[in-house]
Amino acid sequence: MEKSGKAPNITSKVTKLPSSCKSVMEHMEDELKREDEEENRNMETSCEFQVADLPESCERKIHEFERELNKQGYWNVALVAYQMKNHE
């Protein structure tokens, strides 16, 4: 502290905030990161997929594309359509 008893007026060159606000900003940033990580974990555990029930015309197109890939030298490629299950 300065002789006057007041905190020095120091600001961050990056945030332009006084040093007293910097720790609050860093704390909020950490909390937001933690929330994002938790949300991602919840999304991973709540998302389940099943093989999509497609009309026959769509299945034919998928098989045609598999044959086209085979002609172009992409051997033994199996294309599969998955659909996310609804969770409520």
N, C-alpha and C. Protein backbone atom coordinates (compact mmCIF):
# COMPACT_ATOMS: atom_id res chain seq x y z
N MET A 1 0.84 -1.19 0.00
CA MET A 1 0.00 0.00 0.00
C MET A 1 0.87 1.24 0.00
N GLU A 2 0.32 2.26 -0.55
CA GLU A 2 1.01 3.54 -0.55
C GLU A 2 0.93 4.16 0.84
N LYS A 3 1.72 5.20 1.05
CA LYS A 3 1.74 5.88 2.34
C LYS A 3 0.38 6.45 2.71
N SER A 4 -0.44 6.79 1.72
CA SER A 4 -1.74 7.40 1.99
C SER A 4 -2.75 6.39 2.53
N GLY A 5 -2.40 5.08 2.51
CA GLY A 5 -3.30 4.07 3.01
C GLY A 5 -4.22 3.52 1.94
N LYS A 6 -4.15 4.05 0.73
CA LYS A 6 -4.99 3.56 -0.36
C LYS A 6 -4.21 2.53 -1.16
N ALA A 7 -4.93 1.58 -1.72
CA ALA A 7 -4.30 0.58 -2.58
C ALA A 7 -3.79 1.28 -3.84
N PRO A 8 -2.62 0.85 -4.33
CA PRO A 8 -2.10 1.48 -5.55
C PRO A 8 -3.06 1.23 -6.71
N ASN A 9 -3.13 2.18 -7.60
CA ASN A 9 -4.02 2.07 -8.76
C ASN A 9 -3.31 1.31 -9.87
N ILE A 10 -3.24 -0.02 -9.74
CA ILE A 10 -2.58 -0.87 -10.72
C ILE A 10 -3.64 -1.52 -11.59
N THR A 11 -3.45 -1.46 -12.87
CA THR A 11 -4.39 -2.12 -13.77
C THR A 11 -3.65 -3.14 -14.61
N SER A 12 -4.37 -4.16 -15.01
CA SER A 12 -3.81 -5.19 -15.87
C SER A 12 -3.71 -4.63 -17.28
N LYS A 13 -2.61 -4.89 -17.96
CA LYS A 13 -2.46 -4.43 -19.33
C LYS A 13 -3.40 -5.20 -20.26
N VAL A 14 -3.78 -6.40 -19.87
CA VAL A 14 -4.64 -7.24 -20.71
C VAL A 14 -6.10 -6.91 -20.51
N THR A 15 -6.54 -6.83 -19.25
CA THR A 15 -7.96 -6.66 -18.96
C THR A 15 -8.37 -5.22 -18.66
N LYS A 16 -7.40 -4.37 -18.39
CA LYS A 16 -7.66 -2.98 -18.00
C LYS A 16 -8.46 -2.90 -16.71
N LEU A 17 -8.38 -3.93 -15.88
CA LEU A 17 -9.08 -3.94 -14.60
C LEU A 17 -8.09 -3.67 -13.47
N PRO A 18 -8.56 -3.04 -12.39
CA PRO A 18 -7.69 -2.89 -11.22
C PRO A 18 -7.32 -4.26 -10.69
N SER A 19 -6.18 -4.36 -10.03
CA SER A 19 -5.71 -5.65 -9.53
C SER A 19 -6.71 -6.29 -8.58
N SER A 20 -7.51 -5.48 -7.85
CA SER A 20 -8.50 -6.05 -6.93
C SER A 20 -9.60 -6.79 -7.68
N CYS A 21 -9.84 -6.43 -8.92
CA CYS A 21 -10.88 -7.10 -9.71
C CYS A 21 -10.33 -8.34 -10.44
N LYS A 22 -9.02 -8.40 -10.60
CA LYS A 22 -8.41 -9.48 -11.36
C LYS A 22 -8.71 -10.84 -10.74
N SER A 23 -8.60 -10.96 -9.42
CA SER A 23 -8.85 -12.26 -8.79
C SER A 23 -10.31 -12.66 -8.93
N VAL A 24 -11.22 -11.69 -8.87
CA VAL A 24 -12.65 -11.98 -9.06
C VAL A 24 -12.89 -12.47 -10.48
N MET A 25 -12.26 -11.80 -11.45
CA MET A 25 -12.41 -12.20 -12.85
C MET A 25 -11.86 -13.61 -13.06
N GLU A 26 -10.70 -13.91 -12.49
CA GLU A 26 -10.11 -15.23 -12.64
C GLU A 26 -10.99 -16.29 -12.00
N HIS A 27 -11.58 -15.98 -10.83
CA HIS A 27 -12.48 -16.91 -10.16
C HIS A 27 -13.69 -17.20 -11.04
N MET A 28 -14.28 -16.17 -11.62
CA MET A 28 -15.45 -16.36 -12.49
C MET A 28 -15.07 -17.18 -13.73
N GLU A 29 -13.91 -16.92 -14.27
CA GLU A 29 -13.44 -17.67 -15.43
C GLU A 29 -13.30 -19.16 -15.08
N ASP A 30 -12.73 -19.45 -13.91
CA ASP A 30 -12.61 -20.84 -13.45
C ASP A 30 -13.97 -21.49 -13.27
N GLU A 31 -14.91 -20.75 -12.71
CA GLU A 31 -16.26 -21.29 -12.49
C GLU A 31 -16.94 -21.59 -13.82
N LEU A 32 -16.80 -20.71 -14.80
CA LEU A 32 -17.39 -20.93 -16.11
C LEU A 32 -16.78 -22.15 -16.79
N LYS A 33 -15.47 -22.31 -16.67
CA LYS A 33 -14.81 -23.49 -17.24
C LYS A 33 -15.32 -24.76 -16.57
N ARG A 34 -15.47 -24.72 -15.25
CA ARG A 34 -15.97 -25.88 -14.51
C ARG A 34 -17.39 -26.24 -14.95
N GLU A 35 -18.23 -25.21 -15.14
CA GLU A 35 -19.61 -25.45 -15.60
C GLU A 35 -19.61 -26.08 -16.99
N ASP A 36 -18.75 -25.58 -17.88
CA ASP A 36 -18.67 -26.14 -19.23
C ASP A 36 -18.25 -27.60 -19.19
N GLU A 37 -17.25 -27.91 -18.36
CA GLU A 37 -16.78 -29.28 -18.25
C GLU A 37 -17.87 -30.19 -17.71
N GLU A 38 -18.61 -29.72 -16.71
CA GLU A 38 -19.70 -30.51 -16.14
C GLU A 38 -20.80 -30.72 -17.17
N GLU A 39 -21.12 -29.68 -17.92
CA GLU A 39 -22.15 -29.80 -18.95
C GLU A 39 -21.73 -30.81 -20.01
N ASN A 40 -20.46 -30.78 -20.40
CA ASN A 40 -19.96 -31.74 -21.39
C ASN A 40 -20.03 -33.16 -20.86
N ARG A 41 -19.69 -33.36 -19.58
CA ARG A 41 -19.78 -34.70 -18.98
C ARG A 41 -21.22 -35.18 -18.97
N ASN A 42 -22.15 -34.29 -18.60
CA ASN A 42 -23.56 -34.65 -18.58
C ASN A 42 -24.06 -34.99 -19.97
N MET A 43 -23.61 -34.25 -20.96
CA MET A 43 -24.03 -34.50 -22.34
C MET A 43 -23.53 -35.87 -22.79
N GLU A 44 -22.29 -36.20 -22.44
CA GLU A 44 -21.72 -37.49 -22.84
C GLU A 44 -22.48 -38.64 -22.22
N THR A 45 -22.90 -38.51 -20.97
CA THR A 45 -23.59 -39.61 -20.31
C THR A 45 -25.06 -39.68 -20.68
N SER A 46 -25.66 -38.56 -21.08
CA SER A 46 -27.08 -38.57 -21.39
C SER A 46 -27.37 -38.83 -22.87
N CYS A 47 -26.38 -38.75 -23.73
CA CYS A 47 -26.59 -38.99 -25.15
C CYS A 47 -26.41 -40.46 -25.45
N GLU A 48 -27.47 -41.06 -25.89
CA GLU A 48 -27.40 -42.45 -26.34
C GLU A 48 -27.86 -42.49 -27.77
N PHE A 49 -27.26 -43.38 -28.53
CA PHE A 49 -27.59 -43.49 -29.93
C PHE A 49 -28.07 -44.89 -30.25
N GLN A 50 -28.88 -44.98 -31.28
CA GLN A 50 -29.34 -46.27 -31.78
C GLN A 50 -29.22 -46.23 -33.30
N VAL A 51 -29.17 -47.40 -33.91
CA VAL A 51 -29.13 -47.45 -35.37
C VAL A 51 -30.42 -46.82 -35.88
N ALA A 52 -30.28 -45.90 -36.82
CA ALA A 52 -31.44 -45.16 -37.32
C ALA A 52 -32.35 -46.08 -38.13
N ASP A 53 -33.63 -45.91 -37.95
CA ASP A 53 -34.63 -46.65 -38.70
C ASP A 53 -34.95 -45.84 -39.95
N LEU A 54 -34.26 -46.14 -41.05
CA LEU A 54 -34.37 -45.36 -42.28
C LEU A 54 -35.30 -46.04 -43.27
N PRO A 55 -35.92 -45.26 -44.13
CA PRO A 55 -36.71 -45.86 -45.20
C PRO A 55 -35.79 -46.62 -46.16
N GLU A 56 -36.36 -47.58 -46.84
CA GLU A 56 -35.58 -48.43 -47.74
C GLU A 56 -34.85 -47.62 -48.82
N SER A 57 -35.47 -46.54 -49.29
CA SER A 57 -34.83 -45.72 -50.32
C SER A 57 -33.52 -45.11 -49.80
N CYS A 58 -33.50 -44.72 -48.54
CA CYS A 58 -32.27 -44.16 -47.95
C CYS A 58 -31.22 -45.25 -47.76
N GLU A 59 -31.64 -46.42 -47.34
CA GLU A 59 -30.71 -47.54 -47.18
C GLU A 59 -30.06 -47.87 -48.51
N ARG A 60 -30.85 -47.85 -49.60
CA ARG A 60 -30.29 -48.13 -50.94
C ARG A 60 -29.21 -47.10 -51.29
N LYS A 61 -29.47 -45.83 -50.99
CA LYS A 61 -28.49 -44.78 -51.29
C LYS A 61 -27.20 -44.99 -50.50
N ILE A 62 -27.33 -45.40 -49.25
CA ILE A 62 -26.14 -45.67 -48.44
C ILE A 62 -25.34 -46.81 -49.05
N HIS A 63 -26.03 -47.88 -49.45
CA HIS A 63 -25.33 -49.02 -50.06
C HIS A 63 -24.70 -48.63 -51.40
N GLU A 64 -25.39 -47.78 -52.18
CA GLU A 64 -24.82 -47.29 -53.44
C GLU A 64 -23.54 -46.51 -53.17
N PHE A 65 -23.56 -45.69 -52.14
CA PHE A 65 -22.37 -44.91 -51.81
C PHE A 65 -21.24 -45.82 -51.35
N GLU A 66 -21.55 -46.87 -50.60
CA GLU A 66 -20.53 -47.84 -50.20
C GLU A 66 -19.89 -48.47 -51.44
N ARG A 67 -20.70 -48.83 -52.42
CA ARG A 67 -20.17 -49.42 -53.67
C ARG A 67 -19.30 -48.41 -54.43
N GLU A 68 -19.72 -47.15 -54.44
CA GLU A 68 -18.94 -46.11 -55.11
C GLU A 68 -17.59 -45.93 -54.43
N LEU A 69 -17.58 -45.93 -53.10
CA LEU A 69 -16.31 -45.84 -52.37
C LEU A 69 -15.41 -47.02 -52.72
N ASN A 70 -16.01 -48.20 -52.83
CA ASN A 70 -15.26 -49.41 -53.17
C ASN A 70 -14.62 -49.25 -54.55
N LYS A 71 -15.37 -48.71 -55.51
CA LYS A 71 -14.84 -48.49 -56.87
C LYS A 71 -13.65 -47.53 -56.85
N GLN A 72 -13.67 -46.60 -55.92
CA GLN A 72 -12.59 -45.60 -55.83
C GLN A 72 -11.42 -46.09 -54.98
N GLY A 73 -11.48 -47.36 -54.56
CA GLY A 73 -10.36 -47.93 -53.83
C GLY A 73 -10.48 -47.91 -52.32
N TYR A 74 -11.62 -47.51 -51.81
CA TYR A 74 -11.85 -47.54 -50.36
C TYR A 74 -12.56 -48.84 -50.03
N TRP A 75 -11.76 -49.86 -49.71
CA TRP A 75 -12.26 -51.21 -49.54
C TRP A 75 -12.88 -51.43 -48.17
N ASN A 76 -13.90 -52.27 -48.17
CA ASN A 76 -14.54 -52.73 -46.92
C ASN A 76 -15.02 -51.59 -46.03
N VAL A 77 -15.61 -50.58 -46.64
CA VAL A 77 -16.16 -49.47 -45.87
C VAL A 77 -17.64 -49.75 -45.64
N ALA A 78 -18.06 -49.68 -44.40
CA ALA A 78 -19.47 -49.83 -44.05
C ALA A 78 -19.97 -48.50 -43.49
N LEU A 79 -20.99 -47.97 -44.12
CA LEU A 79 -21.58 -46.71 -43.65
C LEU A 79 -22.81 -47.05 -42.81
N VAL A 80 -22.91 -46.42 -41.66
CA VAL A 80 -24.01 -46.70 -40.73
C VAL A 80 -24.60 -45.38 -40.29
N ALA A 81 -25.92 -45.33 -40.18
CA ALA A 81 -26.59 -44.13 -39.70
C ALA A 81 -27.08 -44.38 -38.28
N TYR A 82 -26.69 -43.48 -37.38
CA TYR A 82 -27.14 -43.54 -35.99
C TYR A 82 -28.05 -42.36 -35.71
N GLN A 83 -28.97 -42.56 -34.79
CA GLN A 83 -29.89 -41.50 -34.40
C GLN A 83 -29.85 -41.37 -32.88
N MET A 84 -29.80 -40.13 -32.39
CA MET A 84 -29.77 -39.90 -30.95
C MET A 84 -31.13 -40.23 -30.36
N LYS A 85 -31.10 -40.98 -29.25
CA LYS A 85 -32.35 -41.28 -28.54
C LYS A 85 -32.79 -40.03 -27.80
N ASN A 86 -34.07 -39.82 -27.74
CA ASN A 86 -34.61 -38.67 -27.01
C ASN A 86 -34.67 -38.98 -25.53
N HIS A 87 -34.13 -38.06 -24.71
CA HIS A 87 -34.19 -38.19 -23.26
C HIS A 87 -34.95 -37.00 -22.70
N GLU A 88 -35.83 -37.27 -21.83
CA GLU A 88 -36.59 -36.16 -21.23
C GLU A 88 -36.53 -36.23 -19.75
